[in-house]
Each structure stands twice: as C-alpha cells, then as structure tokens.
Amino acid sequence: MTAEPVVAPRRVRLDGQRTRHQILDTAVRLATVEGLDGLSIGTLATATGISKSGVYAHFESKEDLQLATVDTARDLFIADVVAPALASEGIARLRALCESFLHFVERRTLPGGCFFAAAAAELGGRQGPLKARVAANQRDWMRLLTDAAEEAVRCGELLADTDVAMLVFELNALVVAANTAFLLHDDETPIARARAAVARVIMASVPSADAG
C-alpha cells in the first residue's frame, strides 16, 4: 500500500492562503472604486475568475470580507507608504511620510487612490465594527505623523512651540485633498501643489537659522 503524501495537507493550506490573498488583493482594488458596500461574492468571483463557492468558502459573512479587506489595505499601506519612510527620523521622516503618500497616489497603486480616504468618506456617517476598523487605521497614520513631528521638536529641527497637532492636521489635510483632486480631475497638478504646500507648512515651523 502506498502511503499518502505527507505534504498534501500543507499544499492544500498554501493553495487556500494564495486564493484568499488573491481575493483580498482584488477586493482592496475594487473597494477604492465601488466602495466597501460594493463588494460582493459575485463581483469578486467575476473579477478573480474564482467560483462563487470558492470565494464564499473564505469568508463567513460580507462583514467578515469587508474587515479582511480593510486589514489587507492596511498591510499594503504600511508596505508602500510607511515602511519607506521609517529609515529616516524626525523632520526627514515627516517629509518622507507625506511624500510616500503622494507617490502612492500618483503612481496609481490603487485605481481609486488612497483606500482609507475612500473608506472614510463612505463610512463616516455610520457606526459599527467596519467604521471602527477604518478609524483605527486613520488614527495610526496620524500617530505616525505626530511621533515624527514630536521627535523633530525634541531634536530642535522644529520650533519648541510648534503646535504639533495643528501641523499634523494640516499635512494630512493637504495629502488627502491632493488624493481627491488628482482622482476627480485626472490631473497631476494637485500632487505637485501638495508637495509645495507640505514643504511650506513644515518650513514655517523650522527655526530661522535652519530655514535659511
């Protein structure tokens, strides 16, 4: 009698993981255009070429699919926007985070721009786990900007009396507005203007000797 290959169960698991990743990568892209509410088993089956039963097998409910999509979008954002900026510190990191965000949008990594900007607009007036998950990711992004700005203040790269909360609010508002205008008008001008505005806002808080 020939023994069953011991690797078979592992292969099945790996195939299942690859299929789930394929579904979720597609879901992230679709959600930036169709919204999280626009995700459905049928839509994903058509987009991925996987049967409806094959898609359904990976998620217990539509909300489960939506939450997993948010988590996948978070992983993508960390890899493409956050990680490249972490090699720097202080004011350099602050600039790098903003630039990474703008570059992420500019190169059309996702068809609908920043996933979290789109999700925030869609879910802002609602309550529930999905809104909470998106809001938590937005807070994490703001915390990253805040930590970089606070480090810049401690190092003397920014003025000691810098209103860090206002600075971070303005920087986030600029990059998110650029994302919206770039997508709406299919025009790169807002990205260029945002870069200039980010530089101006940061330089306004740099000690005068350094500004020169």
Protein backbone atom coordinates (compact mmCIF):
# COMPACT_ATOMS: atom_id res chain seq x y z
CA MET A 1 0.00 0.00 0.00
CA THR A 2 1.34 3.41 -0.95
CA ALA A 3 1.29 5.98 1.85
CA GLU A 4 -0.49 9.27 1.21
CA PRO A 5 1.97 12.15 0.60
CA VAL A 6 2.53 13.91 3.91
CA VAL A 7 2.85 17.26 2.12
CA ALA A 8 -0.69 17.18 0.73
CA PRO A 9 -2.43 18.92 3.67
CA ARG A 10 0.22 21.64 3.70
CA ARG A 11 -0.16 22.14 -0.04
CA VAL A 12 -3.90 22.49 0.38
CA ARG A 13 -3.40 25.11 3.09
CA LEU A 14 -0.94 27.05 0.97
CA ASP A 15 -3.28 26.95 -2.01
CA GLY A 16 -6.08 28.20 0.23
CA GLN A 17 -3.93 31.03 1.52
CA ARG A 18 -2.95 32.06 -2.00
CA THR A 19 -6.57 32.06 -3.08
CA ARG A 20 -7.59 34.14 -0.07
CA HIS A 21 -4.80 36.63 -0.76
CA GLN A 22 -5.85 36.86 -4.41
CA ILE A 23 -9.43 37.55 -3.39
CA LEU A 24 -8.46 40.19 -0.85
CA ASP A 25 -5.97 41.94 -3.13
CA THR A 26 -8.74 42.23 -5.70
CA ALA A 27 -11.21 43.36 -3.04
CA VAL A 28 -8.91 46.21 -1.98
CA ARG A 29 -8.68 47.47 -5.55
CA LEU A 30 -12.41 47.17 -6.16
CA ALA A 31 -13.30 48.86 -2.88
CA THR A 32 -11.44 52.03 -3.83
CA VAL A 33 -13.78 52.37 -6.80
CA GLU A 34 -17.00 50.58 -5.82
CA GLY A 35 -16.80 51.15 -2.06
CA LEU A 36 -16.76 48.53 0.65
CA ASP A 37 -20.52 48.17 0.27
CA GLY A 38 -19.95 47.35 -3.39
CA LEU A 39 -18.01 44.20 -2.55
CA SER A 40 -19.94 41.00 -3.13
CA ILE A 41 -19.21 37.33 -3.67
CA GLY A 42 -20.44 37.64 -7.27
CA THR A 43 -18.33 40.70 -8.05
CA LEU A 44 -15.19 39.11 -6.64
CA ALA A 45 -15.87 35.83 -8.40
CA THR A 46 -16.09 37.65 -11.73
CA ALA A 47 -13.01 39.78 -11.06
CA THR A 48 -10.81 36.88 -9.87
CA GLY A 49 -12.12 34.06 -12.05
CA ILE A 50 -12.79 32.03 -8.90
CA SER A 51 -16.16 30.36 -8.47
CA LYS A 52 -18.70 31.95 -6.13
CA SER A 53 -18.49 28.94 -3.84
CA GLY A 54 -14.70 29.26 -3.87
CA VAL A 55 -14.91 32.91 -2.79
CA TYR A 56 -17.64 32.26 -0.23
CA ALA A 57 -15.62 29.47 1.40
CA HIS A 58 -13.07 32.00 2.70
CA PHE A 59 -15.47 34.39 4.47
CA GLU A 60 -18.24 33.83 6.98
CA SER A 61 -20.17 36.96 6.00
CA LYS A 62 -19.98 40.14 3.96
CA GLU A 63 -18.77 42.00 7.05
CA ASP A 64 -16.02 39.40 7.51
CA LEU A 65 -14.96 40.04 3.90
CA GLN A 66 -15.06 43.81 4.41
CA LEU A 67 -12.99 43.68 7.61
CA ALA A 68 -10.43 41.40 5.99
CA THR A 69 -10.27 43.83 3.06
CA VAL A 70 -9.52 46.72 5.43
CA ASP A 71 -6.73 44.69 7.05
CA THR A 72 -5.24 43.85 3.65
CA ALA A 73 -5.36 47.52 2.67
CA ARG A 74 -3.56 48.35 5.91
CA ASP A 75 -0.77 45.88 5.06
CA LEU A 76 -0.40 47.44 1.62
CA PHE A 77 -0.33 50.96 3.04
CA ILE A 78 2.32 50.01 5.60
CA ALA A 79 4.49 48.35 2.95
CA ASP A 80 4.20 51.09 0.32
CA VAL A 81 3.78 54.29 2.37
CA VAL A 82 5.01 53.77 5.91
CA ALA A 83 7.95 51.39 5.58
CA PRO A 84 9.96 53.51 3.09
CA ALA A 85 9.79 56.47 5.49
CA LEU A 86 10.98 54.58 8.56
CA ALA A 87 14.63 54.72 7.52
CA SER A 88 14.62 58.42 8.42
CA GLU A 89 13.79 60.22 11.66
CA GLY A 90 12.31 63.48 12.85
CA ILE A 91 11.63 66.10 10.22
CA ALA A 92 13.02 63.84 7.47
CA ARG A 93 10.52 61.14 8.41
CA LEU A 94 7.69 63.67 8.49
CA ARG A 95 8.54 64.76 4.95
CA ALA A 96 9.06 61.18 3.81
CA LEU A 97 5.65 60.04 5.09
CA CYS A 98 3.92 62.81 3.18
CA GLU A 99 5.96 62.14 0.04
CA SER A 100 5.30 58.39 0.24
CA PHE A 101 1.57 59.05 0.49
CA LEU A 102 1.61 61.36 -2.52
CA HIS A 103 3.76 58.97 -4.54
CA PHE A 104 1.42 56.08 -3.65
CA VAL A 105 -1.48 58.04 -5.12
CA GLU A 106 0.45 59.49 -8.06
CA ARG A 107 1.62 56.14 -9.40
CA ARG A 108 -1.96 54.79 -9.16
CA THR A 109 -1.10 51.89 -6.89
CA LEU A 110 -4.85 51.51 -6.43
CA PRO A 111 -7.37 52.65 -9.05
CA GLY A 112 -9.33 54.73 -6.55
CA GLY A 113 -6.35 56.28 -4.76
CA CYS A 114 -5.93 56.01 -1.02
CA PHE A 115 -8.11 53.15 0.26
CA PHE A 116 -8.61 54.78 3.66
CA ALA A 117 -9.56 58.17 2.27
CA ALA A 118 -12.25 56.47 0.19
CA ALA A 119 -13.41 54.31 3.10
CA ALA A 120 -13.56 57.27 5.48
CA ALA A 121 -15.83 59.16 3.09
CA GLU A 122 -18.04 56.09 2.68
CA LEU A 123 -18.31 55.15 6.36
CA GLY A 124 -18.07 58.49 8.15
CA GLY A 125 -21.76 58.73 8.98
CA ARG A 126 -22.16 55.15 10.16
CA GLN A 127 -21.48 53.10 13.26
CA GLY A 128 -20.18 49.59 13.70
CA PRO A 129 -17.06 47.41 13.51
CA LEU A 130 -16.19 48.41 9.95
CA LYS A 131 -16.14 52.12 10.70
CA ALA A 132 -14.17 51.43 13.89
CA ARG A 133 -11.53 49.46 11.98
CA VAL A 134 -11.10 52.19 9.38
CA ALA A 135 -10.99 54.89 12.07
CA ALA A 136 -8.31 52.97 13.97
CA ASN A 137 -6.12 52.89 10.89
CA GLN A 138 -6.61 56.61 10.34
CA ARG A 139 -5.56 57.26 13.96
CA ASP A 140 -2.46 55.13 13.47
CA TRP A 141 -1.49 57.23 10.44
CA MET A 142 -1.96 60.45 12.38
CA ARG A 143 0.07 58.97 15.25
CA LEU A 144 2.95 58.25 12.87
CA LEU A 145 2.95 61.86 11.68
CA THR A 146 2.67 63.10 15.25
CA ASP A 147 5.55 60.94 16.50
CA ALA A 148 7.79 62.20 13.70
CA ALA A 149 6.86 65.83 14.39
CA GLU A 150 7.38 65.45 18.13
CA GLU A 151 10.78 63.88 17.53
CA ALA A 152 11.67 66.83 15.28
CA VAL A 153 10.70 69.23 18.06
CA ARG A 154 12.82 67.34 20.61
CA CYS A 155 15.81 67.42 18.24
CA GLY A 156 15.42 71.13 17.59
CA GLU A 157 14.51 70.58 13.95
CA LEU A 158 11.16 72.25 14.58
CA LEU A 159 10.44 75.19 16.87
CA ALA A 160 9.88 74.29 20.51
CA ASP A 161 6.47 75.96 20.49
CA THR A 162 5.29 74.17 17.35
CA ASP A 163 1.61 73.24 17.56
CA VAL A 164 2.21 69.63 16.57
CA ALA A 165 -1.47 68.71 16.45
CA MET A 166 -2.21 71.56 14.04
CA LEU A 167 0.87 70.81 11.93
CA VAL A 168 -0.14 67.17 11.56
CA PHE A 169 -3.75 68.12 10.79
CA GLU A 170 -2.60 70.46 8.02
CA LEU A 171 -0.20 67.94 6.49
CA ASN A 172 -2.80 65.19 6.46
CA ALA A 173 -5.41 67.56 5.01
CA LEU A 174 -3.03 68.50 2.19
CA VAL A 175 -2.19 64.97 1.09
CA VAL A 176 -5.80 63.76 1.35
CA ALA A 177 -7.05 66.77 -0.61
CA ALA A 178 -4.43 66.08 -3.28
CA ASN A 179 -5.62 62.48 -3.47
CA THR A 180 -9.21 63.62 -4.04
CA ALA A 181 -8.43 66.28 -6.63
CA PHE A 182 -5.98 64.07 -8.53
CA LEU A 183 -8.60 61.35 -8.89
CA LEU A 184 -11.52 63.63 -9.61
CA HIS A 185 -9.81 65.67 -12.32
CA ASP A 186 -7.26 63.09 -13.53
CA ASP A 187 -4.68 65.83 -13.19
CA GLU A 188 -1.25 65.67 -11.53
CA THR A 189 -1.25 69.38 -10.68
CA PRO A 190 -2.78 68.85 -7.19
CA ILE A 191 0.02 66.43 -6.35
CA ALA A 192 2.67 69.00 -7.27
CA ARG A 193 0.85 71.70 -5.33
CA ALA A 194 0.54 69.44 -2.31
CA ARG A 195 4.28 68.77 -2.37
CA ALA A 196 4.97 72.50 -2.38
CA ALA A 197 2.39 73.15 0.35
CA VAL A 198 3.77 70.35 2.56
CA ALA A 199 7.26 71.84 2.25
CA ARG A 200 5.94 75.33 3.07
CA VAL A 201 3.94 74.17 6.11
CA ILE A 202 6.89 72.28 7.55
CA MET A 203 9.37 75.09 6.87
CA ALA A 204 7.11 77.54 8.69
CA SER A 205 7.93 75.68 11.89
CA VAL A 206 11.66 75.31 11.26
CA PRO A 207 13.97 77.59 13.32
CA SER A 208 15.05 80.54 11.17
CA ALA A 209 18.76 79.62 11.12
CA ASP A 210 17.90 76.22 9.68
CA ALA A 211 15.30 77.63 7.28
CA GLY A 212 18.00 79.60 5.53
